[in-house]
Protein backbone atom coordinates (compact mmCIF):
# COMPACT_ATOMS: atom_id res chain seq x y z
CA THR A 1 -6.13 -75.99 9.04
CA ALA A 2 -3.16 -73.51 9.05
CA LEU A 3 -5.71 -70.62 8.60
CA SER A 4 -7.90 -72.01 11.56
CA LEU A 5 -4.90 -72.20 13.73
CA MET A 6 -4.03 -68.54 12.76
CA LEU A 7 -7.38 -67.31 13.64
CA THR A 8 -7.54 -69.40 16.85
CA ALA A 9 -3.97 -67.95 17.98
CA SER A 10 -5.23 -64.60 16.61
CA PHE A 11 -8.28 -64.78 18.91
CA LEU A 12 -6.30 -65.96 21.87
CA PHE A 13 -3.75 -63.23 21.65
CA ALA A 14 -6.58 -60.64 21.13
CA LEU A 15 -7.83 -61.84 24.41
CA LEU A 16 -4.44 -61.30 26.07
CA GLU A 17 -4.04 -58.01 24.48
CA ALA A 18 -7.50 -56.86 25.54
CA ALA A 19 -6.67 -57.90 29.11
CA ARG A 20 -3.25 -55.98 28.94
CA ILE A 21 -4.79 -53.05 27.56
CA ARG A 22 -7.28 -53.10 30.53
CA MET A 23 -4.47 -53.42 33.00
CA LEU A 24 -2.71 -50.47 31.15
CA TYR A 25 -5.70 -48.22 32.17
CA ALA A 26 -5.09 -49.26 35.87
CA TYR A 27 -1.44 -49.02 35.52
CA ALA A 28 -1.65 -45.34 34.09
CA ASP A 29 -4.21 -44.47 36.62
CA ARG A 30 -1.97 -45.45 39.55
CA LYS A 31 1.14 -43.87 38.07
CA THR A 32 -0.62 -40.59 37.32
CA GLU A 33 -2.00 -40.54 40.82
CA LEU A 34 1.45 -41.16 42.30
CA GLY A 35 3.06 -38.40 40.31
CA LEU A 36 0.29 -36.01 41.21
CA GLU A 37 0.58 -36.71 44.82
CA SER A 38 4.44 -36.04 44.56
CA VAL A 39 3.58 -32.89 43.16
CA CYS A 40 0.89 -31.93 45.68
CA ALA A 41 3.14 -32.90 48.53
CA GLU A 42 5.27 -29.69 47.78
CA TYR A 43 2.59 -27.63 49.49
CA GLN A 44 3.48 -24.36 51.21
CA PRO A 45 4.47 -25.27 54.51
CA GLY A 46 3.71 -22.15 56.37
CA LEU A 47 0.06 -22.09 55.45
CA TRP A 48 -0.26 -25.88 56.62
CA LYS A 49 1.25 -25.02 59.97
CA GLU A 50 -0.44 -21.94 60.78
CA TYR A 51 -3.79 -22.40 59.17
CA GLY A 52 -4.18 -25.86 58.21
CA LEU A 53 -4.22 -25.25 54.56
CA LEU A 54 -2.57 -27.32 51.78
CA CYS A 55 -1.79 -25.08 48.99
CA LEU A 56 0.39 -25.43 46.01
CA ASP A 57 2.60 -22.30 45.58
CA GLY A 58 2.63 -21.57 41.87
CA ALA A 59 5.87 -19.62 42.35
CA TYR A 60 7.48 -22.46 44.37
CA GLY A 61 8.81 -20.09 46.93
CA GLY A 62 9.95 -17.41 44.38
CA LYS A 63 8.63 -14.24 43.27
CA GLU A 64 7.35 -15.11 39.85
CA PHE A 65 4.23 -17.36 39.30
CA SER A 66 4.18 -19.88 36.44
CA ALA A 67 2.01 -22.96 35.89
CA ASP A 68 4.70 -24.24 33.88
CA TYR A 69 6.76 -24.92 37.21
CA VAL A 70 4.05 -27.28 38.30
CA THR A 71 3.75 -28.68 34.76
CA GLY A 72 7.66 -29.40 34.68
CA THR A 73 7.68 -30.81 38.24
CA LEU A 74 4.75 -33.32 37.35
CA LYS A 75 6.51 -34.29 33.93
CA VAL A 76 9.83 -35.15 35.94
CA ARG A 77 7.97 -37.23 38.52
CA MET A 78 5.78 -38.98 35.74
CA ASP A 79 8.94 -39.85 33.91
CA GLU A 80 10.53 -41.22 37.04
CA ASN A 81 7.31 -43.19 37.78
CA LEU A 82 7.21 -44.69 34.22
CA SER A 83 10.70 -45.74 34.03
CA VAL A 84 11.29 -49.32 34.38
CA LYS A 85 14.89 -49.44 33.38
CA ASP A 86 17.46 -51.05 35.68
CA LYS A 87 14.57 -51.90 38.09
CA GLY A 88 14.31 -55.50 37.11
CA ASN A 89 10.68 -55.04 36.01
CA SER A 90 9.31 -56.61 32.81
CA ASP A 91 7.81 -54.29 30.05
CA LEU A 92 4.57 -56.16 30.08
CA PHE A 93 2.87 -52.91 31.27
CA ALA A 94 5.49 -50.45 29.89
CA ILE A 95 4.07 -47.12 28.93
CA ARG A 96 5.49 -43.69 28.35
CA LEU A 97 3.95 -40.21 28.70
CA GLU A 98 3.61 -38.74 25.22
CA GLU A 99 2.16 -35.44 26.20
CA ILE A 100 1.05 -33.38 29.29
CA GLU A 101 -1.26 -30.35 28.75
CA PRO A 102 -2.56 -28.18 31.53
CA LYS A 103 -6.25 -27.54 30.81
CA GLY A 104 -6.78 -24.89 33.62
CA TYR A 105 -6.07 -23.73 36.93
CA GLU A 106 -7.62 -21.93 39.94
CA LEU A 107 -6.12 -19.81 42.48
CA LEU A 108 -7.49 -19.03 46.05
CA THR A 109 -8.21 -15.37 45.12
CA ASP A 110 -10.07 -16.10 42.02
CA ARG A 111 -13.83 -15.29 41.70
CA GLU A 112 -13.40 -12.48 44.38
CA GLY A 113 -12.13 -14.87 47.06
CA ILE A 114 -15.24 -17.13 46.73
CA VAL A 115 -12.82 -20.15 45.87
CA PHE A 116 -10.81 -19.38 49.20
CA LEU A 117 -14.22 -19.37 51.22
CA GLN A 118 -15.52 -22.64 49.74
CA ARG A 119 -12.20 -24.26 50.62
CA ILE A 120 -12.49 -23.18 54.18
CA ALA A 121 -16.25 -24.29 54.31
CA ALA A 122 -15.30 -27.53 53.09
CA TYR A 123 -12.67 -28.06 55.76
CA MET A 124 -15.06 -26.93 58.67
CA GLU A 125 -18.23 -28.90 57.25
CA ALA A 126 -16.71 -32.13 58.69
CA ASN A 127 -16.12 -30.65 62.17
CA ILE A 128 -19.45 -29.22 62.78
CA ALA A 129 -22.99 -31.08 62.96
CA MET A 130 -25.61 -29.54 60.61
CA ASP A 131 -27.89 -28.83 63.52
CA THR A 132 -25.25 -26.60 65.06
CA ILE A 133 -24.88 -24.76 61.70
CA GLU A 134 -28.63 -24.35 61.44
CA GLY A 135 -28.94 -23.03 64.90
CA LEU A 136 -26.02 -20.57 64.18
CA TYR A 137 -27.50 -19.42 60.93
CA ASN A 138 -30.83 -18.50 62.60
CA ARG A 139 -29.14 -16.74 65.47
CA TYR A 140 -27.17 -14.60 63.04
CA LEU A 141 -30.44 -13.69 60.91
CA GLU A 142 -31.89 -12.44 64.33
CA GLY A 143 -28.87 -10.30 65.01
CA VAL A 144 -29.07 -8.86 61.31
CA GLU A 145 -32.69 -8.05 62.26
CA VAL A 146 -31.51 -6.16 65.21
CA GLU A 147 -28.83 -4.25 63.22
CA LYS A 148 -31.31 -3.04 60.68
CA SER A 149 -33.37 -1.41 63.43
CA ALA A 150 -30.51 0.86 64.46
CA THR A 151 -31.16 4.34 63.46
CA GLN A 152 -28.74 7.10 62.36
CA GLU A 153 -30.87 9.69 63.94
CA ASP A 154 -29.50 11.26 67.00
CA CYS A 155 -32.59 11.21 69.17
CA VAL A 156 -30.63 12.49 72.42
CA ALA A 157 -29.45 15.59 70.74
CA GLY A 158 -32.71 16.01 68.98
CA ALA A 159 -34.63 15.75 72.45
CA GLN A 160 -32.23 18.25 74.01
CA THR A 161 -32.81 20.68 71.30
CA ALA A 162 -36.33 20.46 71.24
CA LEU A 163 -36.47 21.03 75.09
CA GLU A 164 -34.09 24.06 74.92
CA GLN A 165 -36.25 25.53 71.96
CA ALA A 166 -39.35 25.03 74.13
CA GLU A 167 -37.84 26.62 77.20
CA LYS A 168 -36.66 29.59 75.08
CA GLU A 169 -40.10 30.08 73.63
CA ALA A 170 -41.74 29.84 77.13
CA ALA A 171 -39.18 32.42 78.65
CA GLU A 172 -39.86 34.88 75.74
CA LYS A 173 -43.72 34.35 76.25
CA ASP A 174 -43.20 35.37 79.87
CA GLY A 175 -40.97 38.27 79.08
CA ASN A 176 -37.83 36.60 80.50
CA SER A 177 -34.39 36.26 78.77
CA PRO A 178 -33.61 32.60 77.58
CA GLY A 179 -32.73 30.43 80.35
CA GLU A 180 -34.65 32.70 82.86
CA THR A 181 -38.12 32.05 84.61
CA ASP A 182 -40.29 33.78 87.16
CA ASN A 183 -40.11 30.69 89.22
CA GLU A 184 -37.46 29.73 91.51
CA PRO A 185 -35.89 26.35 91.15
CA GLY A 186 -38.30 23.84 92.82
CA GLN A 187 -41.51 25.86 91.73
CA PRO A 188 -44.06 24.58 89.34
CA GLY A 189 -42.77 25.26 85.53
CA THR A 190 -39.16 24.72 85.90
CA GLY A 191 -39.29 20.94 85.76
CA GLU A 192 -36.32 20.99 88.46
CA ASN A 193 -36.11 21.15 92.33
CA SER A 194 -33.68 23.16 94.24
CA ASP A 195 -30.99 20.45 93.88
CA GLY A 196 -31.11 20.63 89.83
CA ALA A 197 -32.60 17.31 89.59
CA ASN A 198 -36.03 17.03 87.78
CA VAL A 199 -39.20 17.00 89.90
CA SER A 200 -39.41 13.26 90.08
CA GLY A 201 -36.00 13.19 92.13
CA GLN A 202 -34.02 11.62 89.19
CA GLU A 203 -31.16 12.98 87.18
CA ASN A 204 -31.75 14.06 83.64
CA PRO A 205 -30.61 11.07 81.39
CA LEU A 206 -30.22 13.55 78.46
CA ASP A 207 -27.72 15.50 80.34
CA VAL A 208 -25.83 12.45 81.52
CA ALA A 209 -25.69 10.81 77.90
CA LEU A 210 -24.60 14.23 76.30
CA ALA A 211 -21.79 14.61 79.01
CA LEU A 212 -20.52 10.97 78.43
CA ARG A 213 -20.40 11.73 74.62
CA GLN A 214 -17.81 14.28 75.24
CA ASN A 215 -15.31 11.52 76.26
CA ALA A 216 -13.46 9.25 73.89
CA LEU A 217 -15.64 6.20 73.58
CA LEU A 218 -12.58 3.73 73.74
CA GLY A 219 -11.42 5.32 76.96
CA MET A 220 -14.79 4.72 78.68
CA VAL A 221 -14.93 0.81 78.03
CA THR A 222 -11.38 -0.24 78.37
CA ASP A 223 -7.97 0.56 79.48
CA THR A 224 -6.27 2.41 76.59
CA GLY A 225 -2.82 2.06 78.16
CA ASN A 226 -2.83 -1.74 77.30
CA ILE A 227 -3.91 -1.37 73.65
CA SER A 228 -1.61 -3.08 71.07
CA GLY A 229 0.50 -0.66 69.16
CA LEU A 230 1.09 -2.81 66.13
CA ARG A 231 0.42 -1.19 62.60
CA ILE A 232 0.68 -2.68 58.95
CA ASN A 233 1.13 -0.86 55.59
CA LEU A 234 -2.16 -1.41 53.44
CA SER A 235 -0.66 -0.47 50.10
CA ASP A 236 0.39 -4.15 49.29
CA SER A 237 -2.96 -5.60 50.63
CA LEU A 238 -4.99 -7.95 48.29
CA LEU A 239 -7.83 -5.23 48.09
CA HIS A 240 -5.36 -2.43 47.03
CA ARG A 241 -3.39 -4.44 44.41
CA LYS A 242 -4.00 -6.33 41.19
CA CYS A 243 -4.14 -9.96 41.87
CA ARG A 244 -3.31 -12.58 39.44
CA THR A 245 -6.23 -14.90 38.12
CA GLY A 246 -6.25 -18.48 37.08
CA THR A 247 -7.39 -19.78 33.83
CA TYR A 248 -10.16 -22.30 35.03
CA SER A 249 -13.56 -21.32 33.87
CA GLY A 250 -15.83 -23.64 35.75
CA GLU A 251 -18.36 -22.30 38.40
CA GLN A 252 -19.16 -23.81 41.92
CA LYS A 253 -22.30 -23.27 43.55
CA SER A 254 -22.34 -21.76 46.88
CA GLU A 255 -24.39 -22.87 49.67
CA TRP A 256 -26.27 -20.98 52.42
CA TYR A 257 -24.40 -22.47 55.35
CA GLU A 258 -20.78 -21.56 54.02
CA ARG A 259 -20.83 -18.27 55.81
CA VAL A 260 -21.56 -20.08 59.20
CA LEU A 261 -18.62 -22.43 58.63
CA VAL A 262 -16.13 -19.73 57.69
CA LEU A 263 -16.90 -17.77 60.75
CA ASN A 264 -16.31 -20.72 63.06
CA TYR A 265 -12.92 -21.17 61.34
CA LEU A 266 -12.02 -17.59 62.22
CA ASP A 267 -12.74 -18.68 65.88
CA ARG A 268 -9.89 -21.32 65.56
CA TYR A 269 -7.27 -19.53 63.65
CA PHE A 270 -7.61 -15.69 64.02
CA SER A 271 -6.79 -13.67 67.35
CA ASP A 272 -8.72 -10.69 68.89
CA VAL A 273 -8.36 -8.31 71.73
CA ARG A 274 -9.43 -10.98 74.12
CA LYS A 275 -6.87 -13.63 72.85
CA PRO A 276 -4.09 -11.43 71.10
CA ALA A 277 -1.74 -12.97 68.78
CA ASP A 278 2.03 -13.23 69.43
CA LYS A 279 4.67 -12.61 66.82
CA HIS A 280 1.98 -11.92 64.29
CA VAL A 281 1.86 -8.83 62.16
CA LEU A 282 -1.29 -7.65 64.16
CA ALA A 283 -2.41 -8.67 67.47
CA TYR A 284 -6.13 -8.19 66.88
CA GLU A 285 -6.72 -9.90 63.61
CA THR A 286 -10.51 -10.53 63.71
CA GLU A 287 -10.96 -6.71 64.39
CA TYR A 288 -8.92 -6.12 61.25
CA LEU A 289 -11.24 -8.45 59.22
CA LEU A 290 -14.24 -6.14 60.58
CA CYS A 291 -12.60 -2.79 60.10
CA GLY A 292 -9.69 -3.12 57.70
CA GLU A 293 -7.76 -0.32 59.31
CA ASP A 294 -3.77 -0.06 59.45
CA SER A 295 -3.41 -0.39 63.29
CA ASP A 296 -4.75 -2.45 66.09
CA ARG A 297 -6.04 0.61 67.86
CA LYS A 298 -7.94 1.89 64.97
CA ASN A 299 -9.57 -1.61 64.43
CA LEU A 300 -10.42 -1.93 68.15
CA GLU A 301 -11.96 1.59 68.12
CA GLY A 302 -13.93 0.84 64.99
CA THR A 303 -15.06 -2.42 66.61
CA VAL A 304 -16.14 -0.68 69.75
CA ILE A 305 -18.17 1.78 67.83
CA ARG A 306 -19.91 -1.21 65.87
CA LEU A 307 -20.83 -2.91 69.31
CA MET A 308 -22.21 0.24 70.62
CA ILE A 309 -24.38 0.76 67.55
CA LEU A 310 -25.70 -2.87 67.78
CA ARG A 311 -26.09 -2.68 71.70
CA GLU A 312 -27.98 0.45 71.46
CA ALA A 313 -30.41 -0.75 68.95
CA ALA A 314 -30.99 -3.95 70.90
CA ASN A 315 -31.29 -2.06 74.28
CA ILE A 316 -33.89 0.27 72.79
CA LEU A 317 -35.96 -2.68 71.60
CA HIS A 318 -35.72 -4.05 75.22
CA ILE A 319 -36.92 -0.72 76.85
CA ILE A 320 -40.01 -0.38 74.20
CA SER A 321 -41.16 -3.77 75.00
CA ASP A 322 -40.75 -3.36 78.71
CA HIS A 323 -43.96 -1.38 80.07
CA ALA A 324 -42.49 -0.48 83.26
CA LYS A 325 -39.55 1.28 81.69
CA MET A 326 -41.64 3.06 79.07
CA ASN A 327 -43.82 4.44 81.85
CA GLN A 328 -40.70 5.50 83.78
CA ALA A 329 -39.18 7.19 80.61
CA GLY A 330 -42.71 8.95 79.97
CA THR A 331 -42.63 9.90 83.60
CA ILE A 332 -39.28 11.56 83.17
CA ALA A 333 -40.31 13.27 79.89
CA ALA A 334 -43.37 14.87 81.47
CA SER A 335 -41.30 16.24 84.41
CA LEU A 336 -38.91 17.83 81.92
CA ALA A 337 -41.26 18.99 79.04
CA GLY A 338 -44.68 19.16 80.72
CA PHE A 339 -44.59 22.90 81.19
CA THR A 340 -44.89 23.20 77.36
CA GLY A 341 -48.24 21.50 77.24
CA ASN A 342 -47.38 20.04 73.94
CA PRO A 343 -47.67 16.04 73.71
CA ALA A 344 -45.49 15.93 70.56
CA ILE A 345 -42.52 17.60 72.39
CA ILE A 346 -43.06 15.36 75.33
CA LYS A 347 -42.91 12.54 73.02
CA ILE A 348 -39.73 13.61 71.39
CA VAL A 349 -38.08 14.01 74.84
CA GLN A 350 -39.26 10.59 75.95
CA THR A 351 -37.72 9.15 72.79
CA GLY A 352 -34.59 10.94 73.56
CA ILE A 353 -34.62 9.52 77.17
CA ILE A 354 -35.12 5.97 75.81
CA ALA A 355 -32.04 6.61 73.50
CA SER A 356 -29.92 8.02 76.30
CA TRP A 357 -30.74 4.95 78.70
CA ALA A 358 -30.11 2.60 75.87
CA TYR A 359 -26.81 4.37 75.15
CA ILE A 360 -25.68 4.28 78.87
CA GLU A 361 -26.45 0.66 79.11
CA SER A 362 -24.59 -0.03 76.05
CA ILE A 363 -21.40 1.34 77.34
CA GLN A 364 -21.73 -0.98 80.39
CA ASP A 365 -22.44 -3.95 77.93
CA VAL A 366 -19.26 -3.29 75.90
CA ARG A 367 -17.24 -2.91 79.08
CA ALA A 368 -18.67 -6.38 80.18
CA LEU A 369 -17.86 -7.94 76.62
CA LEU A 370 -14.21 -6.89 76.69
CA GLN A 371 -13.69 -8.27 80.09
CA GLY A 372 -14.85 -11.55 78.89
CA ASP A 373 -18.65 -11.68 80.11
CA LYS A 374 -21.60 -12.62 77.98
CA ILE A 375 -24.34 -10.16 76.94
CA ALA A 376 -27.67 -11.38 75.71
CA LEU A 377 -28.71 -10.09 72.21
CA ILE A 378 -32.13 -8.92 73.55
CA LYS A 379 -31.91 -8.72 77.43
CA SER A 380 -34.60 -9.78 79.87
CA VAL A 381 -35.75 -7.63 82.68
CA LYS A 382 -33.40 -9.44 85.14
CA GLU A 383 -30.22 -8.99 82.82
CA TRP A 384 -30.74 -5.04 82.69
CA THR A 385 -28.34 -3.32 84.68
CA THR A 386 -28.68 0.43 84.83
CA ASP A 387 -31.53 2.60 86.43
CA THR A 388 -32.44 6.18 85.53
CA GLY A 389 -32.00 7.18 89.41
CA ASN A 390 -28.04 6.66 89.32
CA LEU A 391 -26.97 6.81 85.42
CA SER A 392 -23.99 9.05 86.26
CA GLU A 393 -22.86 7.13 89.42
CA SER A 394 -22.34 3.92 87.19
CA PHE A 395 -19.41 5.75 85.49
CA ARG A 396 -17.69 6.93 88.47
CA ASN A 397 -16.30 3.38 88.96
CA THR A 398 -15.44 0.37 86.89
CA SER A 399 -19.00 -0.98 86.87
CA LYS A 400 -20.04 -3.26 84.01
CA ALA A 401 -23.28 -4.76 82.94
CA ARG A 402 -24.62 -7.88 84.50
CA ASN A 403 -23.39 -11.24 82.97
CA CYS A 404 -25.96 -13.17 80.79
CA GLU A 405 -25.51 -16.72 81.13
CA LYS A 406 -27.13 -17.61 77.87
CA GLY A 407 -25.79 -14.36 76.18
CA LEU A 408 -23.11 -13.87 73.43
CA THR A 409 -19.40 -13.40 73.88
CA TYR A 410 -17.33 -10.53 72.33
CA GLN A 411 -15.96 -13.02 69.74
CA GLU A 412 -19.58 -14.15 68.76
CA TYR A 413 -20.71 -10.45 68.51
CA LEU A 414 -17.64 -9.93 65.92
CA ARG A 415 -18.71 -12.94 64.06
CA GLN A 416 -22.31 -11.66 63.92
CA PHE A 417 -20.98 -8.41 62.32
CA MET A 418 -19.22 -10.41 59.65
CA PHE A 419 -22.23 -12.57 58.91
CA SER A 420 -23.45 -9.91 56.57
CA MET A 421 -20.15 -8.69 55.38
CA GLY A 422 -19.18 -8.81 51.60
CA LYS A 423 -17.51 -11.99 50.39
CA LYS A 424 -14.77 -10.47 48.77
CA LYS A 425 -13.75 -8.04 51.60
CA LEU A 426 -13.93 -10.80 54.11
CA ALA A 427 -12.01 -13.30 52.00
CA TYR A 428 -9.19 -10.76 50.98
CA ARG A 429 -8.81 -9.61 54.64
CA MET A 430 -8.65 -13.10 55.66
CA MET A 431 -5.72 -13.87 53.19
CA ASP A 432 -4.35 -10.49 53.86
CA ILE A 433 -3.59 -11.72 57.48
CA MET A 434 -2.34 -15.23 56.49
CA GLU A 435 -0.10 -13.78 53.74
CA ARG A 436 1.62 -11.24 56.10
CA ASN A 437 2.06 -13.77 58.87
CA ILE A 438 3.57 -16.55 56.55
CA ARG A 439 6.08 -14.09 55.37
CA LEU A 440 7.43 -13.87 58.97
CA THR A 441 8.26 -17.67 58.64
CA GLU A 442 11.28 -19.24 57.35
CA ASN A 443 11.14 -19.67 53.50
CA GLY A 444 8.01 -17.58 53.35
CA ALA A 445 9.27 -14.24 52.50
CA ASN A 446 7.70 -14.34 49.07
CA CYS A 447 4.37 -15.62 50.25
CA ARG A 448 1.39 -14.29 47.99
CA MET A 449 -2.18 -15.77 48.25
CA ASP A 450 -2.75 -14.94 44.68
CA HIS A 451 0.08 -17.54 43.67
CA MET A 452 -1.73 -20.37 45.70
CA ILE A 453 -3.13 -22.98 43.51
CA GLY A 454 -6.46 -24.62 44.65
CA ARG A 455 -7.23 -26.69 41.46
CA ILE A 456 -5.50 -27.56 38.40
CA ASP A 457 -6.68 -29.77 35.29
CA TYR A 458 -4.46 -31.88 33.04
CA GLU A 459 -5.08 -33.85 29.88
CA MET A 460 -2.36 -36.46 29.64
CA THR A 461 -1.49 -38.76 26.54
CA TYR A 462 0.17 -42.18 27.08
CA GLY A 463 1.72 -44.51 24.42
CA ALA A 464 2.38 -48.06 24.67
CA GLU A 465 3.63 -50.77 22.09
CA PHE A 466 1.46 -53.55 20.86
CA LEU A 467 2.87 -56.91 22.57
CA PHE A 468 0.83 -59.76 21.79
CA SER A 469 -0.33 -58.45 18.36
CA GLU A 470 3.07 -58.90 17.12
CA MET A 471 3.25 -62.43 17.48
CA THR A 472 0.63 -63.17 14.80
CA THR A 473 -0.65 -60.60 12.09
CA ILE A 474 -2.64 -60.93 8.92
CA GLY A 475 -2.45 -57.87 6.70
CA LYS A 476 -0.70 -54.58 7.32
CA LYS A 477 0.40 -53.93 11.08
CA PRO A 478 -1.19 -50.80 12.49
CA GLU A 479 0.83 -47.78 12.66
CA GLY A 480 0.66 -45.03 15.40
CA PRO A 481 1.74 -41.42 15.58
CA ALA A 482 4.66 -40.43 13.34
CA GLY A 483 4.43 -43.97 11.41
CA LEU A 484 5.38 -45.92 14.51
CA SER A 485 4.58 -49.63 13.85
CA GLY A 486 2.56 -51.58 16.40
CA PHE A 487 1.80 -48.31 18.54
CA LEU A 488 -1.19 -48.00 21.00
CA CYS A 489 -2.16 -44.66 22.04
CA PHE A 490 -4.74 -43.80 24.69
CA TYR A 491 -5.58 -40.56 26.57
CA CYS A 492 -6.04 -39.78 30.22
CA TRP A 493 -8.28 -36.66 31.30
CA MET A 494 -6.90 -35.94 34.79
CA TYR A 495 -8.60 -33.47 37.22
CA SER A 496 -6.53 -32.69 40.17
CA VAL A 497 -7.14 -30.88 43.44
CA PRO A 498 -4.42 -30.55 45.95
CA PRO A 499 -5.89 -31.67 49.40
CA MET A 500 -6.57 -28.18 50.71
CA PHE A 501 -7.31 -28.99 54.28
CA LYS A 502 -6.87 -31.75 57.00
CA ASP A 503 -8.76 -35.01 56.56
CA THR A 504 -9.80 -34.37 52.97
CA GLY A 505 -7.88 -37.31 51.48
CA SER A 506 -5.82 -37.58 48.28
CA PRO A 507 -6.08 -35.63 45.19
CA VAL A 508 -9.10 -36.63 43.04
CA LEU A 509 -8.31 -38.56 39.85
CA LEU A 510 -10.97 -39.29 37.25
CA SER A 511 -10.65 -42.54 35.03
CA ILE A 512 -9.07 -42.55 31.73
CA LYS A 513 -11.21 -40.77 29.08
CA THR A 514 -10.83 -43.04 26.05
CA TRP A 515 -8.25 -44.90 24.06
CA ASN A 516 -8.02 -46.01 20.52
CA PHE A 517 -5.81 -47.92 17.88
CA SER A 518 -4.48 -45.89 15.12
CA VAL A 519 -5.91 -48.45 12.54
CA LEU A 520 -7.97 -51.62 12.63
CA SER A 521 -6.36 -53.71 9.85
CA THR A 522 -5.76 -57.01 11.86
CA PRO A 523 -7.92 -59.68 13.09
CA MET A 524 -6.36 -59.18 16.48
CA ALA A 525 -6.92 -55.56 16.61
CA PHE A 526 -10.54 -56.28 15.67
CA TRP A 527 -11.04 -58.62 18.55
CA ALA A 528 -9.46 -56.33 20.94
CA VAL A 529 -11.72 -53.34 19.99
CA THR A 530 -14.80 -55.48 20.06
CA LEU A 531 -14.01 -57.18 23.55
CA ASP A 532 -13.46 -53.71 25.02
CA CYS A 533 -16.70 -52.38 23.92
CA ILE A 534 -18.51 -55.44 25.35
CA THR A 535 -16.61 -55.01 28.73
CA SER A 536 -16.84 -51.19 29.13
């Protein structure tokens, strides 16, 4: 009877202990999350205010980085959360943190900036529809194809050289000095009339283009007197210094649409010549991302050159696809080089005229873009502006290309260039701007992007005393670490990511990995383990 009563009581207490242990799981989970959120709440304030980023500074505002700062802070928070002394609480769910071990952390600069770009994409993904992302992606691919069609060959100079050589050979054949002919201007064989224009009555596009190339390109497309004079020192930039690396060894798969999301992020948080920044290290930040020079002026100049190259390629494609313009270019070429009777030279001159025409149209395009107009990637006939009859006239005033209602803005062209830009170069230049601007804010003087933690893993060990098993025992009591009688030990594997961006919620916490008794020498312990296996 006594043994039956003992077994019955042991079974009942085993049920209570099993229920308590399950509650300890939930209790430890809540306390761990609370402690972790307390640590994550100490994010770098400047990054949040300026760029919507929630990052944990591993240097805690100082100059030296140490993951021990985070671990120490988490230990303090956990001890505070687990303490029940003087709080009027019972010790039914009393547990203590036996050990906290960091398993690895990841910095924003890790994997050559891919970690940073993926955080940006994760933020933007919730703000843009997938249909919009796909449309932008396809448009960027179209722009890449146009960029690939750009040639490094100077067709204008080549055509001019071929024409001059043909004239020289013709003069020598006629017994004249180079540049002289037997005919007066306007007579057959010269290709010019008495006014110096070609026989068709149109000016020579080659001469116009070559004359324009003698001028500074930046001065032809914008007022250089209003260009920002801000400069930075690149010696401490992320691309020029050795960055700290994290200890996390996992990999994260990159998605095809991430670059599109990052480019849209730029439009929200980075300035350019159309919307210059105030009280930042540079006024034209997007231009810096593209060119990486140490001054706004150099970055704008480099951007204009990139725009000219793209617009020339696109305008050449337009001319080639327009039969009327091709015929017009052919007529001018024949009037200039027809005296040679050599179709190959005429073709070279025609190619030079096409390139000259595209170059002049491109200058007008860039003028329009810098003034806030839109220019289509590939223009229609109605959107074309210049004509071979008045090319030089268009540069005697402030004329610009026609606005294209369905065209691209200046900012969209810049994003087009960065679509095919290297990940490391783009990410590190973005973080350069962020880092330098945060250093201008209060308490941000020591900001370094390679101190910003984006992910950290911990393994935590909790301990608790047996409660109900102490009330009835058969045999030896279980012993825990260091011979502690009636000691329950379980482990918690915790994965933490500070909420990097707005609207991403709280840190992620995985459930407890495992728990175990040190020994199974009592009926109570046997029942508890058995019941836990059944309910898992």
